[in-house]
Amino acid sequence: MTTDGQEQASQNLLNENLSGENSQSLNTETIGTEALGAENSGTYDFQIEGMEIDQEALEEAKPIFDELGVTNEQAKALSELYAKGLQKFQDNVDSETETQKQAQAQQWKDSITNDAEIGGKSFKENIQLANQVLDTFGNSEINEAFKDTSIGNNPSIVRLLVRIGKAMQNDKLITGQTNSHTDPAKVFYPTMK
């Protein structure tokens, strides 16, 4: 995919290279199948190792290939070059995404460690509370999502889990206290002698 500026720049470069005595007989409009002397049926059938051909993109490229007189082998070579460029671009995007993800996770970890509510001296205890909440109410899918996305390091999420854990600690079973020295009849009927 090219922009109008790129096409203009390519045309200017071609015109510069063709300047001189042959510039009158050749121009960008005459360069095509006839000018290059290549014969092509307009059918491009090839495979790129390790990649599935995007048939829609190939259909878009066919008129350009035909205009330039590109053979099947040349189309394959151009497509392989394009695929390598795409793979390199994707690798760069993946690398940058991973770098940003790791930086965000580290920033969150530092923020949790230094947080007034959940960090500091009570950090380990609070992390244990958060993990207890996950163990009690979570499942393998939640744990996997926390691990894969690093969302488990988000200070807001950790703070929420710690608050839930602390609230759960306050819930204790209150049992009645019995005084073995008191006669139950006197407790129920205090006026009775």
C-alpha atoms as a PDB file:
ATOM      1  CA  MET A   1       0.000   0.000   0.000  1.00  0.00           C
ATOM      2  CA  THR A   2       1.514   3.316  -1.048  1.00  0.00           C
ATOM      3  CA  THR A   3       0.501   6.882  -0.554  1.00  0.00           C
ATOM      4  CA  ASP A   4       0.162   9.473  -3.267  1.00  0.00           C
ATOM      5  CA  GLY A   5       3.398  11.013  -2.044  1.00  0.00           C
ATOM      6  CA  GLN A   6       5.235   7.700  -2.320  1.00  0.00           C
ATOM      7  CA  GLU A   7       3.888   7.130  -5.826  1.00  0.00           C
ATOM      8  CA  GLN A   8       4.929  10.654  -6.853  1.00  0.00           C
ATOM      9  CA  ALA A   9       8.397  10.129  -5.356  1.00  0.00           C
ATOM     10  CA  SER A  10       8.749   6.812  -7.225  1.00  0.00           C
ATOM     11  CA  GLN A  11       7.667   8.444 -10.471  1.00  0.00           C
ATOM     12  CA  ASN A  12      10.107  11.322  -9.941  1.00  0.00           C
ATOM     13  CA  LEU A  13      12.946   8.874  -9.234  1.00  0.00           C
ATOM     14  CA  LEU A  14      12.081   6.880 -12.349  1.00  0.00           C
ATOM     15  CA  ASN A  15      11.959  10.028 -14.459  1.00  0.00           C
ATOM     16  CA  GLU A  16      15.332  11.148 -13.079  1.00  0.00           C
ATOM     17  CA  ASN A  17      16.880   7.777 -13.930  1.00  0.00           C
ATOM     18  CA  LEU A  18      15.440   7.902 -17.440  1.00  0.00           C
ATOM     19  CA  SER A  19      16.579  11.447 -18.170  1.00  0.00           C
ATOM     20  CA  GLY A  20      18.849  11.832 -21.130  1.00  0.00           C
ATOM     21  CA  GLU A  21      18.519  10.692 -24.690  1.00  0.00           C
ATOM     22  CA  ASN A  22      16.104   7.825 -23.920  1.00  0.00           C
ATOM     23  CA  SER A  23      13.758   9.999 -21.865  1.00  0.00           C
ATOM     24  CA  GLN A  24      11.643  10.826 -24.905  1.00  0.00           C
ATOM     25  CA  SER A  25      10.942   7.208 -25.794  1.00  0.00           C
ATOM     26  CA  LEU A  26      10.261   5.855 -22.279  1.00  0.00           C
ATOM     27  CA  ASN A  27       7.904   7.114 -19.615  1.00  0.00           C
ATOM     28  CA  THR A  28       6.070   5.538 -16.699  1.00  0.00           C
ATOM     29  CA  GLU A  29       2.971   4.855 -18.750  1.00  0.00           C
ATOM     30  CA  THR A  30       4.777   2.723 -21.331  1.00  0.00           C
ATOM     31  CA  ILE A  31       6.521   0.550 -18.765  1.00  0.00           C
ATOM     32  CA  GLY A  32       4.432  -2.550 -18.412  1.00  0.00           C
ATOM     33  CA  THR A  33       4.166  -6.040 -19.788  1.00  0.00           C
ATOM     34  CA  GLU A  34       4.977  -4.934 -23.306  1.00  0.00           C
ATOM     35  CA  ALA A  35       7.916  -2.709 -22.336  1.00  0.00           C
ATOM     36  CA  LEU A  36       9.515  -5.327 -20.081  1.00  0.00           C
ATOM     37  CA  GLY A  37       8.985  -8.082 -22.573  1.00  0.00           C
ATOM     38  CA  ALA A  38       7.610 -10.391 -19.886  1.00  0.00           C
ATOM     39  CA  GLU A  39       4.726 -12.598 -20.697  1.00  0.00           C
ATOM     40  CA  ASN A  40       2.260 -13.428 -17.984  1.00  0.00           C
ATOM     41  CA  SER A  41      -1.131 -15.004 -18.010  1.00  0.00           C
ATOM     42  CA  GLY A  42      -2.389 -12.826 -15.151  1.00  0.00           C
ATOM     43  CA  THR A  43      -2.621 -15.917 -12.977  1.00  0.00           C
ATOM     44  CA  TYR A  44      -0.463 -16.032  -9.895  1.00  0.00           C
ATOM     45  CA  ASP A  45      -0.301 -19.325  -8.089  1.00  0.00           C
ATOM     46  CA  PHE A  46       2.369 -19.847  -5.460  1.00  0.00           C
ATOM     47  CA  GLN A  47       2.902 -20.753  -1.830  1.00  0.00           C
ATOM     48  CA  ILE A  48       5.008 -19.019   0.780  1.00  0.00           C
ATOM     49  CA  GLU A  49       6.515 -21.395   3.283  1.00  0.00           C
ATOM     50  CA  GLY A  50       5.041 -20.950   6.758  1.00  0.00           C
ATOM     51  CA  MET A  51       2.418 -18.444   5.634  1.00  0.00           C
ATOM     52  CA  GLU A  52      -1.057 -18.569   4.218  1.00  0.00           C
ATOM     53  CA  ILE A  53      -1.537 -16.355   1.183  1.00  0.00           C
ATOM     54  CA  ASP A  54      -4.096 -13.602   1.695  1.00  0.00           C
ATOM     55  CA  GLN A  55      -6.155 -14.137  -1.442  1.00  0.00           C
ATOM     56  CA  GLU A  56      -7.875 -10.758  -1.120  1.00  0.00           C
ATOM     57  CA  ALA A  57      -4.514  -8.958  -1.007  1.00  0.00           C
ATOM     58  CA  LEU A  58      -3.275 -11.033  -3.948  1.00  0.00           C
ATOM     59  CA  GLU A  59      -6.359 -10.041  -5.953  1.00  0.00           C
ATOM     60  CA  GLU A  60      -5.589  -6.385  -5.184  1.00  0.00           C
ATOM     61  CA  ALA A  61      -1.983  -6.854  -6.292  1.00  0.00           C
ATOM     62  CA  LYS A  62      -2.778  -8.701  -9.549  1.00  0.00           C
ATOM     63  CA  PRO A  63      -3.523  -5.567 -11.616  1.00  0.00           C
ATOM     64  CA  ILE A  64      -0.256  -4.011 -10.448  1.00  0.00           C
ATOM     65  CA  PHE A  65       1.657  -7.214 -11.164  1.00  0.00           C
ATOM     66  CA  ASP A  66       0.035  -7.403 -14.610  1.00  0.00           C
ATOM     67  CA  GLU A  67       0.821  -3.766 -15.381  1.00  0.00           C
ATOM     68  CA  LEU A  68       4.453  -4.284 -14.417  1.00  0.00           C
ATOM     69  CA  GLY A  69       4.681  -7.599 -16.258  1.00  0.00           C
ATOM     70  CA  VAL A  70       5.559  -9.546 -13.147  1.00  0.00           C
ATOM     71  CA  THR A  71       5.922 -13.297 -13.642  1.00  0.00           C
ATOM     72  CA  ASN A  72       4.633 -15.856 -11.164  1.00  0.00           C
ATOM     73  CA  GLU A  73       8.150 -16.340  -9.789  1.00  0.00           C
ATOM     74  CA  GLN A  74       8.648 -12.594  -9.427  1.00  0.00           C
ATOM     75  CA  ALA A  75       5.258 -12.226  -7.731  1.00  0.00           C
ATOM     76  CA  LYS A  76       6.256 -14.973  -5.313  1.00  0.00           C
ATOM     77  CA  ALA A  77       9.576 -13.250  -4.589  1.00  0.00           C
ATOM     78  CA  LEU A  78       7.840  -9.904  -4.002  1.00  0.00           C
ATOM     79  CA  SER A  79       5.246 -11.569  -1.801  1.00  0.00           C
ATOM     80  CA  GLU A  80       7.951 -13.319   0.235  1.00  0.00           C
ATOM     81  CA  LEU A  81       9.731  -9.997   0.696  1.00  0.00           C
ATOM     82  CA  TYR A  82       6.460  -8.391   1.774  1.00  0.00           C
ATOM     83  CA  ALA A  83       5.778 -11.299   4.165  1.00  0.00           C
ATOM     84  CA  LYS A  84       9.234 -10.920   5.723  1.00  0.00           C
ATOM     85  CA  GLY A  85       8.600  -7.211   6.176  1.00  0.00           C
ATOM     86  CA  LEU A  86       5.249  -7.903   7.788  1.00  0.00           C
ATOM     87  CA  GLN A  87       6.802 -10.491  10.096  1.00  0.00           C
ATOM     88  CA  LYS A  88       9.552  -8.088  11.103  1.00  0.00           C
ATOM     89  CA  PHE A  89       6.961  -5.386  11.777  1.00  0.00           C
ATOM     90  CA  GLN A  90       4.868  -7.815  13.842  1.00  0.00           C
ATOM     91  CA  ASP A  91       7.940  -8.947  15.787  1.00  0.00           C
ATOM     92  CA  ASN A  92       8.765  -5.305  16.551  1.00  0.00           C
ATOM     93  CA  VAL A  93       5.190  -4.626  17.678  1.00  0.00           C
ATOM     94  CA  ASP A  94       5.198  -7.754  19.848  1.00  0.00           C
ATOM     95  CA  SER A  95       8.553  -6.822  21.372  1.00  0.00           C
ATOM     96  CA  GLU A  96       7.442  -3.266  22.103  1.00  0.00           C
ATOM     97  CA  THR A  97       4.161  -4.503  23.570  1.00  0.00           C
ATOM     98  CA  GLU A  98       5.991  -6.947  25.831  1.00  0.00           C
ATOM     99  CA  THR A  99       8.425  -4.237  26.926  1.00  0.00           C
ATOM    100  CA  GLN A 100       5.552  -1.891  27.761  1.00  0.00           C
ATOM    101  CA  LYS A 101       3.700  -4.678  29.574  1.00  0.00           C
ATOM    102  CA  GLN A 102       6.755  -5.473  31.696  1.00  0.00           C
ATOM    103  CA  ALA A 103       7.347  -1.789  32.466  1.00  0.00           C
ATOM    104  CA  GLN A 104       3.708  -1.366  33.531  1.00  0.00           C
ATOM    105  CA  ALA A 105       3.872  -4.472  35.727  1.00  0.00           C
ATOM    106  CA  GLN A 106       7.044  -3.204  37.413  1.00  0.00           C
ATOM    107  CA  GLN A 107       5.512   0.225  37.936  1.00  0.00           C
ATOM    108  CA  TRP A 108       2.465  -1.400  39.546  1.00  0.00           C
ATOM    109  CA  LYS A 109       4.647  -3.590  41.782  1.00  0.00           C
ATOM    110  CA  ASP A 110       6.607  -0.552  42.946  1.00  0.00           C
ATOM    111  CA  SER A 111       3.381   1.339  43.569  1.00  0.00           C
ATOM    112  CA  ILE A 112       1.929  -1.528  45.644  1.00  0.00           C
ATOM    113  CA  THR A 113       5.104  -1.882  47.695  1.00  0.00           C
ATOM    114  CA  ASN A 114       5.096   1.828  48.533  1.00  0.00           C
ATOM    115  CA  ASP A 115       1.321   2.227  48.962  1.00  0.00           C
ATOM    116  CA  ALA A 116       0.284   3.608  52.363  1.00  0.00           C
ATOM    117  CA  GLU A 117      -2.703   1.253  52.689  1.00  0.00           C
ATOM    118  CA  ILE A 118      -1.399  -2.041  51.324  1.00  0.00           C
ATOM    119  CA  GLY A 119       2.380  -1.656  51.217  1.00  0.00           C
ATOM    120  CA  GLY A 120       5.056  -0.888  53.722  1.00  0.00           C
ATOM    121  CA  LYS A 121       5.355  -2.994  56.886  1.00  0.00           C
ATOM    122  CA  SER A 122       2.110  -4.867  56.276  1.00  0.00           C
ATOM    123  CA  PHE A 123       2.878  -5.667  52.609  1.00  0.00           C
ATOM    124  CA  LYS A 124       3.417  -9.423  53.069  1.00  0.00           C
ATOM    125  CA  GLU A 125       0.364  -9.788  55.277  1.00  0.00           C
ATOM    126  CA  ASN A 126      -1.784  -7.862  52.792  1.00  0.00           C
ATOM    127  CA  ILE A 127      -0.552  -9.907  49.844  1.00  0.00           C
ATOM    128  CA  GLN A 128      -1.436 -13.069  51.788  1.00  0.00           C
ATOM    129  CA  LEU A 129      -4.941 -11.664  52.350  1.00  0.00           C
ATOM    130  CA  ALA A 130      -5.307 -10.882  48.645  1.00  0.00           C
ATOM    131  CA  ASN A 131      -4.150 -14.398  47.737  1.00  0.00           C
ATOM    132  CA  GLN A 132      -6.615 -15.908  50.239  1.00  0.00           C
ATOM    133  CA  VAL A 133      -9.443 -14.028  48.533  1.00  0.00           C
ATOM    134  CA  LEU A 134      -8.325 -15.366  45.165  1.00  0.00           C
ATOM    135  CA  ASP A 135      -8.003 -18.884  46.558  1.00  0.00           C
ATOM    136  CA  THR A 136     -11.464 -18.684  48.118  1.00  0.00           C
ATOM    137  CA  PHE A 137     -13.419 -17.012  45.334  1.00  0.00           C
ATOM    138  CA  GLY A 138     -11.231 -17.301  42.234  1.00  0.00           C
ATOM    139  CA  ASN A 139     -10.771 -20.096  39.771  1.00  0.00           C
ATOM    140  CA  SER A 140      -8.093 -21.192  37.335  1.00  0.00           C
ATOM    141  CA  GLU A 141      -9.376 -18.856  34.593  1.00  0.00           C
ATOM    142  CA  ILE A 142      -9.151 -15.798  36.844  1.00  0.00           C
ATOM    143  CA  ASN A 143      -5.715 -16.799  38.084  1.00  0.00           C
ATOM    144  CA  GLU A 144      -4.535 -17.339  34.505  1.00  0.00           C
ATOM    145  CA  ALA A 145      -5.939 -13.962  33.425  1.00  0.00           C
ATOM    146  CA  PHE A 146      -4.191 -12.260  36.341  1.00  0.00           C
ATOM    147  CA  LYS A 147      -0.935 -13.931  35.360  1.00  0.00           C
ATOM    148  CA  ASP A 148      -1.169 -13.364  31.597  1.00  0.00           C
ATOM    149  CA  THR A 149      -2.227  -9.721  31.755  1.00  0.00           C
ATOM    150  CA  SER A 150      -0.343  -8.698  34.920  1.00  0.00           C
ATOM    151  CA  ILE A 151      -3.621  -7.171  36.090  1.00  0.00           C
ATOM    152  CA  GLY A 152      -3.014  -8.907  39.402  1.00  0.00           C
ATOM    153  CA  ASN A 153      -0.301  -6.304  40.015  1.00  0.00           C
ATOM    154  CA  ASN A 154      -2.663  -3.372  39.476  1.00  0.00           C
ATOM    155  CA  PRO A 155      -2.720  -1.439  42.770  1.00  0.00           C
ATOM    156  CA  SER A 156      -6.485  -0.910  42.569  1.00  0.00           C
ATOM    157  CA  ILE A 157      -7.098  -4.645  42.120  1.00  0.00           C
ATOM    158  CA  VAL A 158      -4.713  -5.572  44.938  1.00  0.00           C
ATOM    159  CA  ARG A 159      -6.264  -2.919  47.196  1.00  0.00           C
ATOM    160  CA  LEU A 160      -9.739  -4.347  46.469  1.00  0.00           C
ATOM    161  CA  LEU A 161      -8.615  -7.908  47.231  1.00  0.00           C
ATOM    162  CA  VAL A 162      -6.914  -6.796  50.465  1.00  0.00           C
ATOM    163  CA  ARG A 163     -10.058  -4.937  51.578  1.00  0.00           C
ATOM    164  CA  ILE A 164     -12.167  -8.012  50.877  1.00  0.00           C
ATOM    165  CA  GLY A 165      -9.679 -10.144  52.792  1.00  0.00           C
ATOM    166  CA  LYS A 166      -9.796  -7.796  55.774  1.00  0.00           C
ATOM    167  CA  ALA A 167     -13.578  -7.746  55.707  1.00  0.00           C
ATOM    168  CA  MET A 168     -13.590 -11.531  55.683  1.00  0.00           C
ATOM    169  CA  GLN A 169     -11.336 -11.563  58.759  1.00  0.00           C
ATOM    170  CA  ASN A 170     -13.895  -9.537  60.702  1.00  0.00           C
ATOM    171  CA  ASP A 171     -16.519 -12.186  60.074  1.00  0.00           C
ATOM    172  CA  LYS A 172     -16.125 -14.547  63.012  1.00  0.00           C
ATOM    173  CA  LEU A 173     -18.525 -16.963  64.491  1.00  0.00           C
ATOM    174  CA  ILE A 174     -19.749 -15.703  67.830  1.00  0.00           C
ATOM    175  CA  THR A 175     -20.564 -18.501  70.150  1.00  0.00           C
ATOM    176  CA  GLY A 176     -22.619 -18.039  73.278  1.00  0.00           C
ATOM    177  CA  GLN A 177     -20.702 -18.014  76.495  1.00  0.00           C
ATOM    178  CA  THR A 178     -21.934 -20.336  79.110  1.00  0.00           C
ATOM    179  CA  ASN A 179     -21.210 -20.033  82.732  1.00  0.00           C
ATOM    180  CA  SER A 180     -21.085 -23.512  84.157  1.00  0.00           C
ATOM    181  CA  HIS A 181     -21.574 -22.146  87.646  1.00  0.00           C
ATOM    182  CA  THR A 182     -24.954 -20.645  86.893  1.00  0.00           C
ATOM    183  CA  ASP A 183     -28.066 -22.743  87.123  1.00  0.00           C
ATOM    184  CA  PRO A 184     -29.938 -22.462  83.801  1.00  0.00           C
ATOM    185  CA  ALA A 185     -33.266 -22.263  85.631  1.00  0.00           C
ATOM    186  CA  LYS A 186     -32.083 -19.169  87.496  1.00  0.00           C
ATOM    187  CA  VAL A 187     -31.013 -17.565  84.198  1.00  0.00           C
ATOM    188  CA  PHE A 188     -34.469 -18.085  82.674  1.00  0.00           C
ATOM    189  CA  TYR A 189     -36.447 -17.511  85.864  1.00  0.00           C
ATOM    190  CA  PRO A 190     -34.401 -15.098  87.970  1.00  0.00           C
ATOM    191  CA  THR A 191     -37.244 -14.424  90.429  1.00  0.00           C
ATOM    192  CA  MET A 192     -37.766 -18.041  91.194  1.00  0.00           C
ATOM    193  CA  LYS A 193     -36.140 -19.367  94.339  1.00  0.00           C
END
